[in-house]
Full PDB file with SEQRES, HELIX, SHEET, SSBOND, CRYST1, ORIGX, SCALE, CONECT and MASTER records, all heavy atoms in Angstrom:
SEQRES   1 A   38  VAL LEU SER ARG SER VAL GLY ILE LEU ALA HIS THR TRP          
SEQRES   2 A   38  GLU GLN MET GLN GLN GLY GLY ARG ASN LYS GLY PRO LEU          
SEQRES   3 A   38  PRO ARG ASP ALA THR TRP THR TYR SER GLY LYS ARG              
HELIX    1 AA1 LEU A    2  GLN A   18  1                                  17    
CRYST1    1.000    1.000    1.000  90.00  90.00  90.00 P 1           1          
ORIGX1      1.000000  0.000000  0.000000        0.00000                         
ORIGX2      0.000000  1.000000  0.000000        0.00000                         
ORIGX3      0.000000  0.000000  1.000000        0.00000                         
SCALE1      1.000000  0.000000  0.000000        0.00000                         
SCALE2      0.000000  1.000000  0.000000        0.00000                         
SCALE3      0.000000  0.000000  1.000000        0.00000                         
ATOM      1  N   VAL A   1      44.898 -11.878   6.712  1.00  0.00           N  
ATOM      2  CA  VAL A   1      43.584 -11.219   6.908  1.00  0.00           C  
ATOM      3  C   VAL A   1      43.422  -9.899   6.147  1.00  0.00           C  
ATOM      4  O   VAL A   1      42.436  -9.655   5.489  1.00  0.00           O  
ATOM      5  CB  VAL A   1      43.357 -10.921   8.485  1.00  0.00           C  
ATOM      6  CG1 VAL A   1      42.128 -10.128   8.573  1.00  0.00           C  
ATOM      7  CG2 VAL A   1      43.125 -12.276   9.195  1.00  0.00           C  
ATOM      8  N   LEU A   2      44.553  -9.198   6.135  1.00  0.00           N  
ATOM      9  CA  LEU A   2      44.488  -7.913   5.248  1.00  0.00           C  
ATOM     10  C   LEU A   2      44.287  -8.221   3.813  1.00  0.00           C  
ATOM     11  O   LEU A   2      43.516  -7.579   3.122  1.00  0.00           O  
ATOM     12  CB  LEU A   2      45.794  -7.209   5.486  1.00  0.00           C  
ATOM     13  CG  LEU A   2      46.001  -6.428   6.761  1.00  0.00           C  
ATOM     14  CD1 LEU A   2      47.458  -5.893   6.866  1.00  0.00           C  
ATOM     15  CD2 LEU A   2      45.019  -5.304   6.964  1.00  0.00           C  
ATOM     16  N   SER A   3      45.027  -9.242   3.324  1.00  0.00           N  
ATOM     17  CA  SER A   3      44.836  -9.643   1.948  1.00  0.00           C  
ATOM     18  C   SER A   3      43.496 -10.114   1.606  1.00  0.00           C  
ATOM     19  O   SER A   3      42.897  -9.670   0.698  1.00  0.00           O  
ATOM     20  CB  SER A   3      45.992 -10.751   1.584  1.00  0.00           C  
ATOM     21  OG  SER A   3      45.826 -11.226   0.358  1.00  0.00           O  
ATOM     22  N   ARG A   4      43.064 -11.139   2.366  1.00  0.00           N  
ATOM     23  CA  ARG A   4      41.691 -11.710   2.094  1.00  0.00           C  
ATOM     24  C   ARG A   4      40.610 -10.782   2.247  1.00  0.00           C  
ATOM     25  O   ARG A   4      39.486 -10.992   1.700  1.00  0.00           O  
ATOM     26  CB  ARG A   4      41.531 -13.012   2.953  1.00  0.00           C  
ATOM     27  CG  ARG A   4      40.337 -13.762   2.659  1.00  0.00           C  
ATOM     28  CD  ARG A   4      40.096 -14.244   1.211  1.00  0.00           C  
ATOM     29  NE  ARG A   4      41.202 -14.921   0.637  1.00  0.00           N  
ATOM     30  CZ  ARG A   4      41.262 -16.260   0.608  1.00  0.00           C  
ATOM     31  NH1 ARG A   4      40.368 -16.991   1.196  1.00  0.00           N  
ATOM     32  NH2 ARG A   4      42.273 -16.874  -0.044  1.00  0.00           N  
ATOM     33  N   SER A   5      40.762  -9.720   3.093  1.00  0.00           N  
ATOM     34  CA  SER A   5      39.731  -8.769   3.254  1.00  0.00           C  
ATOM     35  C   SER A   5      39.321  -8.117   1.931  1.00  0.00           C  
ATOM     36  O   SER A   5      38.204  -7.618   1.753  1.00  0.00           O  
ATOM     37  CB  SER A   5      40.155  -7.665   4.326  1.00  0.00           C  
ATOM     38  OG  SER A   5      40.268  -8.281   5.615  1.00  0.00           O  
ATOM     39  N   VAL A   6      40.261  -7.987   0.998  1.00  0.00           N  
ATOM     40  CA  VAL A   6      39.969  -7.366  -0.272  1.00  0.00           C  
ATOM     41  C   VAL A   6      38.962  -8.181  -0.971  1.00  0.00           C  
ATOM     42  O   VAL A   6      37.952  -7.705  -1.543  1.00  0.00           O  
ATOM     43  CB  VAL A   6      41.295  -7.185  -1.016  1.00  0.00           C  
ATOM     44  CG1 VAL A   6      40.905  -6.591  -2.438  1.00  0.00           C  
ATOM     45  CG2 VAL A   6      42.247  -6.328  -0.358  1.00  0.00           C  
ATOM     46  N   GLY A   7      39.178  -9.480  -1.072  1.00  0.00           N  
ATOM     47  CA  GLY A   7      38.205 -10.471  -1.715  1.00  0.00           C  
ATOM     48  C   GLY A   7      36.910 -10.475  -0.977  1.00  0.00           C  
ATOM     49  O   GLY A   7      35.900 -10.464  -1.649  1.00  0.00           O  
ATOM     50  N   ILE A   8      37.014 -10.406   0.345  1.00  0.00           N  
ATOM     51  CA  ILE A   8      35.741 -10.471   1.098  1.00  0.00           C  
ATOM     52  C   ILE A   8      34.955  -9.199   0.803  1.00  0.00           C  
ATOM     53  O   ILE A   8      33.647  -9.260   0.685  1.00  0.00           O  
ATOM     54  CB  ILE A   8      36.045 -10.463   2.722  1.00  0.00           C  
ATOM     55  CG1 ILE A   8      36.660 -11.914   2.947  1.00  0.00           C  
ATOM     56  CG2 ILE A   8      34.906 -10.228   3.542  1.00  0.00           C  
ATOM     57  CD1 ILE A   8      37.242 -12.006   4.354  1.00  0.00           C  
ATOM     58  N   LEU A   9      35.548  -8.038   0.723  1.00  0.00           N  
ATOM     59  CA  LEU A   9      34.888  -6.898   0.462  1.00  0.00           C  
ATOM     60  C   LEU A   9      34.174  -6.827  -0.944  1.00  0.00           C  
ATOM     61  O   LEU A   9      33.069  -6.512  -1.207  1.00  0.00           O  
ATOM     62  CB  LEU A   9      35.840  -5.628   0.524  1.00  0.00           C  
ATOM     63  CG  LEU A   9      35.298  -4.268   0.131  1.00  0.00           C  
ATOM     64  CD1 LEU A   9      34.034  -3.855   0.894  1.00  0.00           C  
ATOM     65  CD2 LEU A   9      36.384  -3.150   0.173  1.00  0.00           C  
ATOM     66  N   ALA A  10      34.965  -7.343  -1.881  1.00  0.00           N  
ATOM     67  CA  ALA A  10      34.520  -7.514  -3.331  1.00  0.00           C  
ATOM     68  C   ALA A  10      33.291  -8.341  -3.369  1.00  0.00           C  
ATOM     69  O   ALA A  10      32.256  -8.005  -4.051  1.00  0.00           O  
ATOM     70  CB  ALA A  10      35.579  -7.983  -4.241  1.00  0.00           C  
ATOM     71  N   HIS A  11      33.380  -9.611  -2.786  1.00  0.00           N  
ATOM     72  CA  HIS A  11      32.255 -10.494  -2.843  1.00  0.00           C  
ATOM     73  C   HIS A  11      31.021  -9.923  -2.024  1.00  0.00           C  
ATOM     74  O   HIS A  11      29.890 -10.203  -2.472  1.00  0.00           O  
ATOM     75  CB  HIS A  11      32.609 -11.793  -2.308  1.00  0.00           C  
ATOM     76  CG  HIS A  11      33.437 -12.605  -3.157  1.00  0.00           C  
ATOM     77  ND1 HIS A  11      32.849 -13.486  -4.147  1.00  0.00           N  
ATOM     78  CD2 HIS A  11      34.701 -12.760  -3.519  1.00  0.00           C  
ATOM     79  CE1 HIS A  11      33.671 -14.124  -4.969  1.00  0.00           C  
ATOM     80  NE2 HIS A  11      34.845 -13.715  -4.491  1.00  0.00           N  
ATOM     81  N   THR A  12      31.256  -9.259  -0.979  1.00  0.00           N  
ATOM     82  CA  THR A  12      30.161  -8.705  -0.176  1.00  0.00           C  
ATOM     83  C   THR A  12      29.397  -7.629  -1.086  1.00  0.00           C  
ATOM     84  O   THR A  12      28.231  -7.741  -1.177  1.00  0.00           O  
ATOM     85  CB  THR A  12      30.705  -7.987   1.057  1.00  0.00           C  
ATOM     86  OG1 THR A  12      31.289  -8.960   1.904  1.00  0.00           O  
ATOM     87  CG2 THR A  12      29.555  -7.317   1.813  1.00  0.00           C  
ATOM     88  N   TRP A  13      30.154  -6.793  -1.626  1.00  0.00           N  
ATOM     89  CA  TRP A  13      29.555  -5.794  -2.539  1.00  0.00           C  
ATOM     90  C   TRP A  13      28.930  -6.342  -3.763  1.00  0.00           C  
ATOM     91  O   TRP A  13      27.718  -5.881  -4.016  1.00  0.00           O  
ATOM     92  CB  TRP A  13      30.661  -4.774  -3.004  1.00  0.00           C  
ATOM     93  CG  TRP A  13      30.165  -3.613  -3.795  1.00  0.00           C  
ATOM     94  CD1 TRP A  13      30.427  -3.371  -5.080  1.00  0.00           C  
ATOM     95  CD2 TRP A  13      29.165  -2.612  -3.375  1.00  0.00           C  
ATOM     96  NE1 TRP A  13      29.760  -2.222  -5.496  1.00  0.00           N  
ATOM     97  CE2 TRP A  13      29.007  -1.790  -4.460  1.00  0.00           C  
ATOM     98  CE3 TRP A  13      28.536  -2.379  -2.172  1.00  0.00           C  
ATOM     99  CZ2 TRP A  13      28.048  -0.627  -4.381  1.00  0.00           C  
ATOM    100  CZ3 TRP A  13      27.696  -1.272  -2.181  1.00  0.00           C  
ATOM    101  CH2 TRP A  13      27.497  -0.439  -3.217  1.00  0.00           C  
ATOM    102  N   GLU A  14      29.484  -7.386  -4.397  1.00  0.00           N  
ATOM    103  CA  GLU A  14      28.826  -7.990  -5.490  1.00  0.00           C  
ATOM    104  C   GLU A  14      27.484  -8.636  -5.087  1.00  0.00           C  
ATOM    105  O   GLU A  14      26.416  -8.470  -5.867  1.00  0.00           O  
ATOM    106  CB  GLU A  14      29.746  -9.019  -6.101  1.00  0.00           C  
ATOM    107  CG  GLU A  14      29.086  -9.674  -7.323  1.00  0.00           C  
ATOM    108  CD  GLU A  14      29.998 -10.806  -7.918  1.00  0.00           C  
ATOM    109  OE1 GLU A  14      30.293 -11.763  -7.222  1.00  0.00           O  
ATOM    110  OE2 GLU A  14      30.403 -10.593  -9.110  1.00  0.00           O  
ATOM    111  N   GLN A  15      27.463  -9.308  -3.923  1.00  0.00           N  
ATOM    112  CA  GLN A  15      26.285  -9.954  -3.520  1.00  0.00           C  
ATOM    113  C   GLN A  15      25.193  -8.957  -3.179  1.00  0.00           C  
ATOM    114  O   GLN A  15      24.050  -9.146  -3.438  1.00  0.00           O  
ATOM    115  CB  GLN A  15      26.504 -10.805  -2.236  1.00  0.00           C  
ATOM    116  CG  GLN A  15      25.396 -11.677  -1.845  1.00  0.00           C  
ATOM    117  CD  GLN A  15      24.995 -12.712  -2.935  1.00  0.00           C  
ATOM    118  OE1 GLN A  15      25.787 -13.595  -3.374  1.00  0.00           O  
ATOM    119  NE2 GLN A  15      23.727 -12.734  -3.402  1.00  0.00           N  
ATOM    120  N   MET A  16      25.554  -7.779  -2.585  1.00  0.00           N  
ATOM    121  CA  MET A  16      24.578  -6.672  -2.350  1.00  0.00           C  
ATOM    122  C   MET A  16      24.016  -6.196  -3.667  1.00  0.00           C  
ATOM    123  O   MET A  16      22.735  -5.846  -3.724  1.00  0.00           O  
ATOM    124  CB  MET A  16      25.279  -5.626  -1.599  1.00  0.00           C  
ATOM    125  CG  MET A  16      25.572  -5.946  -0.153  1.00  0.00           C  
ATOM    126  SD  MET A  16      26.495  -4.642   0.616  1.00  0.00           S  
ATOM    127  CE  MET A  16      26.216  -5.008   2.432  1.00  0.00           C  
ATOM    128  N   GLN A  17      24.781  -6.126  -4.731  1.00  0.00           N  
ATOM    129  CA  GLN A  17      24.288  -5.665  -6.006  1.00  0.00           C  
ATOM    130  C   GLN A  17      23.322  -6.804  -6.634  1.00  0.00           C  
ATOM    131  O   GLN A  17      22.418  -6.472  -7.249  1.00  0.00           O  
ATOM    132  CB  GLN A  17      25.332  -5.334  -6.905  1.00  0.00           C  
ATOM    133  CG  GLN A  17      26.428  -4.365  -6.455  1.00  0.00           C  
ATOM    134  CD  GLN A  17      25.808  -3.129  -5.814  1.00  0.00           C  
ATOM    135  OE1 GLN A  17      25.109  -2.366  -6.518  1.00  0.00           O  
ATOM    136  NE2 GLN A  17      26.094  -2.907  -4.514  1.00  0.00           N  
ATOM    137  N   GLN A  18      23.632  -7.944  -6.420  1.00  0.00           N  
ATOM    138  CA  GLN A  18      22.756  -9.100  -6.925  1.00  0.00           C  
ATOM    139  C   GLN A  18      21.496  -9.217  -6.133  1.00  0.00           C  
ATOM    140  O   GLN A  18      20.534  -9.710  -6.831  1.00  0.00           O  
ATOM    141  CB  GLN A  18      23.613 -10.457  -6.891  1.00  0.00           C  
ATOM    142  CG  GLN A  18      24.780 -10.498  -7.856  1.00  0.00           C  
ATOM    143  CD  GLN A  18      25.487 -11.727  -7.777  1.00  0.00           C  
ATOM    144  OE1 GLN A  18      25.262 -12.643  -6.858  1.00  0.00           O  
ATOM    145  NE2 GLN A  18      26.559 -11.975  -8.506  1.00  0.00           N  
ATOM    146  N   GLY A  19      21.544  -8.866  -4.942  1.00  0.00           N  
ATOM    147  CA  GLY A  19      20.324  -9.012  -4.200  1.00  0.00           C  
ATOM    148  C   GLY A  19      20.216 -10.423  -3.601  1.00  0.00           C  
ATOM    149  O   GLY A  19      21.239 -11.184  -3.530  1.00  0.00           O  
ATOM    150  N   GLY A  20      18.994 -10.792  -3.275  1.00  0.00           N  
ATOM    151  CA  GLY A  20      18.793 -12.181  -2.633  1.00  0.00           C  
ATOM    152  C   GLY A  20      18.589 -12.034  -1.192  1.00  0.00           C  
ATOM    153  O   GLY A  20      19.051 -11.074  -0.538  1.00  0.00           O  
ATOM    154  N   ARG A  21      17.768 -12.911  -0.610  1.00  0.00           N  
ATOM    155  CA  ARG A  21      17.401 -12.862   0.838  1.00  0.00           C  
ATOM    156  C   ARG A  21      17.741 -14.302   1.442  1.00  0.00           C  
ATOM    157  O   ARG A  21      17.336 -15.183   0.939  1.00  0.00           O  
ATOM    158  CB  ARG A  21      15.908 -12.453   0.993  1.00  0.00           C  
ATOM    159  CG  ARG A  21      15.601 -11.027   0.565  1.00  0.00           C  
ATOM    160  CD  ARG A  21      14.113 -10.810   0.611  1.00  0.00           C  
ATOM    161  NE  ARG A  21      13.565 -10.946   1.913  1.00  0.00           N  
ATOM    162  CZ  ARG A  21      13.472 -10.006   2.843  1.00  0.00           C  
ATOM    163  NH1 ARG A  21      13.902  -8.713   2.492  1.00  0.00           N  
ATOM    164  NH2 ARG A  21      12.938 -10.199   4.075  1.00  0.00           N  
ATOM    165  N   ASN A  22      18.413 -14.143   2.620  1.00  0.00           N  
ATOM    166  CA  ASN A  22      18.615 -15.296   3.431  1.00  0.00           C  
ATOM    167  C   ASN A  22      19.163 -16.503   2.567  1.00  0.00           C  
ATOM    168  O   ASN A  22      18.686 -17.624   2.671  1.00  0.00           O  
ATOM    169  CB  ASN A  22      17.358 -15.754   4.123  1.00  0.00           C  
ATOM    170  CG  ASN A  22      16.967 -14.760   5.175  1.00  0.00           C  
ATOM    171  OD1 ASN A  22      17.832 -14.157   5.708  1.00  0.00           O  
ATOM    172  ND2 ASN A  22      15.685 -14.702   5.516  1.00  0.00           N  
ATOM    173  N   LYS A  23      20.169 -16.209   1.826  1.00  0.00           N  
ATOM    174  CA  LYS A  23      20.794 -17.316   1.031  1.00  0.00           C  
ATOM    175  C   LYS A  23      21.644 -18.165   1.914  1.00  0.00           C  
ATOM    176  O   LYS A  23      22.644 -17.629   2.364  1.00  0.00           O  
ATOM    177  CB  LYS A  23      21.582 -16.720  -0.158  1.00  0.00           C  
ATOM    178  CG  LYS A  23      21.988 -17.665  -1.255  1.00  0.00           C  
ATOM    179  CD  LYS A  23      22.574 -17.048  -2.409  1.00  0.00           C  
ATOM    180  CE  LYS A  23      22.924 -18.103  -3.565  1.00  0.00           C  
ATOM    181  NZ  LYS A  23      23.365 -17.398  -4.711  1.00  0.00           N  
ATOM    182  N   GLY A  24      21.348 -19.423   1.966  1.00  0.00           N  
ATOM    183  CA  GLY A  24      22.100 -20.303   2.877  1.00  0.00           C  
ATOM    184  C   GLY A  24      23.253 -20.988   2.126  1.00  0.00           C  
ATOM    185  O   GLY A  24      23.517 -20.785   1.004  1.00  0.00           O  
ATOM    186  N   PRO A  25      23.830 -21.952   2.845  1.00  0.00           N  
ATOM    187  CA  PRO A  25      25.010 -22.665   2.222  1.00  0.00           C  
ATOM    188  C   PRO A  25      24.592 -23.758   1.276  1.00  0.00           C  
ATOM    189  O   PRO A  25      25.420 -24.273   0.576  1.00  0.00           O  
ATOM    190  CB  PRO A  25      25.719 -23.252   3.427  1.00  0.00           C  
ATOM    191  CG  PRO A  25      24.548 -23.406   4.424  1.00  0.00           C  
ATOM    192  CD  PRO A  25      23.696 -22.301   4.286  1.00  0.00           C  
ATOM    193  N   LEU A  26      23.337 -24.079   1.201  1.00  0.00           N  
ATOM    194  CA  LEU A  26      22.821 -25.098   0.196  1.00  0.00           C  
ATOM    195  C   LEU A  26      21.694 -24.536  -0.639  1.00  0.00           C  
ATOM    196  O   LEU A  26      20.884 -23.706  -0.203  1.00  0.00           O  
ATOM    197  CB  LEU A  26      22.253 -26.280   1.094  1.00  0.00           C  
ATOM    198  CG  LEU A  26      23.246 -27.076   1.903  1.00  0.00           C  
ATOM    199  CD1 LEU A  26      22.490 -28.075   2.763  1.00  0.00           C  
ATOM    200  CD2 LEU A  26      24.243 -27.845   1.018  1.00  0.00           C  
ATOM    201  N   PRO A  27      21.571 -25.055  -1.846  1.00  0.00           N  
ATOM    202  CA  PRO A  27      20.305 -24.648  -2.597  1.00  0.00           C  
ATOM    203  C   PRO A  27      19.072 -25.174  -1.945  1.00  0.00           C  
ATOM    204  O   PRO A  27      19.055 -26.102  -1.115  1.00  0.00           O  
ATOM    205  CB  PRO A  27      20.595 -25.507  -3.987  1.00  0.00           C  
ATOM    206  CG  PRO A  27      22.069 -25.738  -4.007  1.00  0.00           C  
ATOM    207  CD  PRO A  27      22.490 -25.950  -2.554  1.00  0.00           C  
ATOM    208  N   ARG A  28      17.950 -24.479  -2.277  1.00  0.00           N  
ATOM    209  CA  ARG A  28      16.799 -24.745  -1.523  1.00  0.00           C  
ATOM    210  C   ARG A  28      16.238 -26.195  -1.697  1.00  0.00           C  
ATOM    211  O   ARG A  28      15.619 -26.735  -0.757  1.00  0.00           O  
ATOM    212  CB  ARG A  28      15.735 -23.768  -2.067  1.00  0.00           C  
ATOM    213  CG  ARG A  28      15.519 -22.579  -1.132  1.00  0.00           C  
ATOM    214  CD  ARG A  28      14.374 -21.716  -1.585  1.00  0.00           C  
ATOM    215  NE  ARG A  28      14.827 -20.656  -2.602  1.00  0.00           N  
ATOM    216  CZ  ARG A  28      13.999 -19.763  -3.204  1.00  0.00           C  
ATOM    217  NH1 ARG A  28      12.752 -19.748  -2.902  1.00  0.00           N  
ATOM    218  NH2 ARG A  28      14.488 -18.900  -4.018  1.00  0.00           N  
ATOM    219  N   ASP A  29      16.594 -26.779  -2.778  1.00  0.00           N  
ATOM    220  CA  ASP A  29      16.054 -28.240  -3.005  1.00  0.00           C  
ATOM    221  C   ASP A  29      17.095 -29.237  -2.505  1.00  0.00           C  
ATOM    222  O   ASP A  29      16.894 -30.437  -2.697  1.00  0.00           O  
ATOM    223  CB  ASP A  29      15.764 -28.418  -4.523  1.00  0.00           C  
ATOM    224  CG  ASP A  29      17.070 -28.205  -5.355  1.00  0.00           C  
ATOM    225  OD1 ASP A  29      18.054 -27.619  -4.825  1.00  0.00           O  
ATOM    226  OD2 ASP A  29      17.009 -28.468  -6.564  1.00  0.00           O  
ATOM    227  N   ALA A  30      18.105 -28.816  -1.865  1.00  0.00           N  
ATOM    228  CA  ALA A  30      19.085 -29.743  -1.237  1.00  0.00           C  
ATOM    229  C   ALA A  30      18.937 -29.769   0.214  1.00  0.00           C  
ATOM    230  O   ALA A  30      18.675 -28.630   0.849  1.00  0.00           O  
ATOM    231  CB  ALA A  30      20.429 -29.410  -1.671  1.00  0.00           C  
ATOM    232  N   THR A  31      18.946 -30.935   0.812  1.00  0.00           N  
ATOM    233  CA  THR A  31      18.946 -31.054   2.224  1.00  0.00           C  
ATOM    234  C   THR A  31      20.116 -31.686   2.726  1.00  0.00           C  
ATOM    235  O   THR A  31      20.988 -32.121   1.985  1.00  0.00           O  
ATOM    236  CB  THR A  31      17.657 -31.824   2.687  1.00  0.00           C  
ATOM    237  OG1 THR A  31      17.735 -33.088   2.162  1.00  0.00           O  
ATOM    238  CG2 THR A  31      16.455 -31.009   2.336  1.00  0.00           C  
ATOM    239  N   TRP A  32      20.304 -31.678   4.054  1.00  0.00           N  
ATOM    240  CA  TRP A  32      21.545 -32.339   4.737  1.00  0.00           C  
ATOM    241  C   TRP A  32      21.257 -33.721   5.100  1.00  0.00           C  
ATOM    242  O   TRP A  32      20.125 -34.240   4.904  1.00  0.00           O  
ATOM    243  CB  TRP A  32      21.824 -31.484   5.937  1.00  0.00           C  
ATOM    244  CG  TRP A  32      20.589 -31.282   6.815  1.00  0.00           C  
ATOM    245  CD1 TRP A  32      20.229 -32.044   7.794  1.00  0.00           C  
ATOM    246  CD2 TRP A  32      19.674 -30.227   6.657  1.00  0.00           C  
ATOM    247  NE1 TRP A  32      19.047 -31.577   8.387  1.00  0.00           N  
ATOM    248  CE2 TRP A  32      18.620 -30.455   7.607  1.00  0.00           C  
ATOM    249  CE3 TRP A  32      19.484 -29.100   5.786  1.00  0.00           C  
ATOM    250  CZ2 TRP A  32      17.559 -29.627   7.875  1.00  0.00           C  
ATOM    251  CZ3 TRP A  32      18.402 -28.317   5.937  1.00  0.00           C  
ATOM    252  CH2 TRP A  32      17.377 -28.524   6.941  1.00  0.00           C  
ATOM    253  N   THR A  33      22.337 -34.453   5.488  1.00  0.00           N  
ATOM    254  CA  THR A  33      22.116 -35.783   6.000  1.00  0.00           C  
ATOM    255  C   THR A  33      21.703 -35.797   7.572  1.00  0.00           C  
ATOM    256  O   THR A  33      22.405 -35.225   8.349  1.00  0.00           O  
ATOM    257  CB  THR A  33      23.523 -36.543   5.896  1.00  0.00           C  
ATOM    258  OG1 THR A  33      23.947 -36.559   4.518  1.00  0.00           O  
ATOM    259  CG2 THR A  33      23.393 -37.993   6.440  1.00  0.00           C  
ATOM    260  N   TYR A  34      20.549 -36.459   7.744  1.00  0.00           N  
ATOM    261  CA  TYR A  34      20.070 -36.524   9.142  1.00  0.00           C  
ATOM    262  C   TYR A  34      20.652 -37.822   9.779  1.00  0.00           C  
ATOM    263  O   TYR A  34      20.522 -38.857   9.193  1.00  0.00           O  
ATOM    264  CB  TYR A  34      18.597 -36.444   9.182  1.00  0.00           C  
ATOM    265  CG  TYR A  34      17.995 -36.693  10.618  1.00  0.00           C  
ATOM    266  CD1 TYR A  34      18.151 -35.690  11.581  1.00  0.00           C  
ATOM    267  CD2 TYR A  34      17.393 -37.944  10.969  1.00  0.00           C  
ATOM    268  CE1 TYR A  34      17.627 -35.917  12.789  1.00  0.00           C  
ATOM    269  CE2 TYR A  34      16.904 -38.031  12.182  1.00  0.00           C  
ATOM    270  CZ  TYR A  34      17.010 -36.969  13.135  1.00  0.00           C  
ATOM    271  OH  TYR A  34      16.604 -37.195  14.423  1.00  0.00           O  
ATOM    272  N   SER A  35      21.245 -37.701  10.916  1.00  0.00           N  
ATOM    273  CA  SER A  35      21.915 -38.867  11.534  1.00  0.00           C  
ATOM    274  C   SER A  35      21.370 -39.190  12.850  1.00  0.00           C  
ATOM    275  O   SER A  35      21.805 -40.019  13.607  1.00  0.00           O  
ATOM    276  CB  SER A  35      23.405 -38.645  11.647  1.00  0.00           C  
ATOM    277  OG  SER A  35      23.683 -37.453  12.455  1.00  0.00           O  
ATOM    278  N   GLY A  36      20.209 -38.492  13.258  1.00  0.00           N  
ATOM    279  CA  GLY A  36      19.586 -38.747  14.582  1.00  0.00           C  
ATOM    280  C   GLY A  36      18.594 -39.819  14.552  1.00  0.00           C  
ATOM    281  O   GLY A  36      18.395 -40.622  13.547  1.00  0.00           O  
ATOM    282  N   LYS A  37      17.834 -39.851  15.636  1.00  0.00           N  
ATOM    283  CA  LYS A  37      16.754 -40.935  15.744  1.00  0.00           C  
ATOM    284  C   LYS A  37      15.504 -40.602  14.827  1.00  0.00           C  
ATOM    285  O   LYS A  37      15.256 -39.392  14.531  1.00  0.00           O  
ATOM    286  CB  LYS A  37      16.369 -40.983  17.263  1.00  0.00           C  
ATOM    287  CG  LYS A  37      17.312 -41.457  18.202  1.00  0.00           C  
ATOM    288  CD  LYS A  37      16.793 -41.456  19.636  1.00  0.00           C  
ATOM    289  CE  LYS A  37      17.901 -41.922  20.661  1.00  0.00           C  
ATOM    290  NZ  LYS A  37      17.357 -41.993  21.990  1.00  0.00           N  
ATOM    291  N   ARG A  38      14.918 -41.616  14.478  1.00  0.00           N  
ATOM    292  CA  ARG A  38      13.686 -41.531  13.580  1.00  0.00           C  
ATOM    293  C   ARG A  38      12.468 -41.700  14.499  1.00  0.00           C  
ATOM    294  O   ARG A  38      12.497 -42.519  15.516  1.00  0.00           O  
ATOM    295  CB  ARG A  38      13.738 -42.627  12.538  1.00  0.00           C  
ATOM    296  CG  ARG A  38      14.793 -42.537  11.558  1.00  0.00           C  
ATOM    297  CD  ARG A  38      14.699 -41.369  10.580  1.00  0.00           C  
ATOM    298  NE  ARG A  38      15.778 -41.302   9.623  1.00  0.00           N  
ATOM    299  CZ  ARG A  38      15.834 -40.375   8.667  1.00  0.00           C  
ATOM    300  NH1 ARG A  38      14.904 -39.500   8.595  1.00  0.00           N  
ATOM    301  NH2 ARG A  38      16.858 -40.307   7.809  1.00  0.00           N  
TER     302      ARG A  38                                                      
MASTER        0    0    0    1    0    0    0    6  301    1    0    3          
END                                                                             
């Protein structure tokens, strides 16, 4: 955790500099697999 925290901090700071709002785990034009009832 101590080690990986360095990378976590670096990526957090870089993302803050890049900006962006509510960036999720998937690109906006990609959706997930729906497995429920239709």
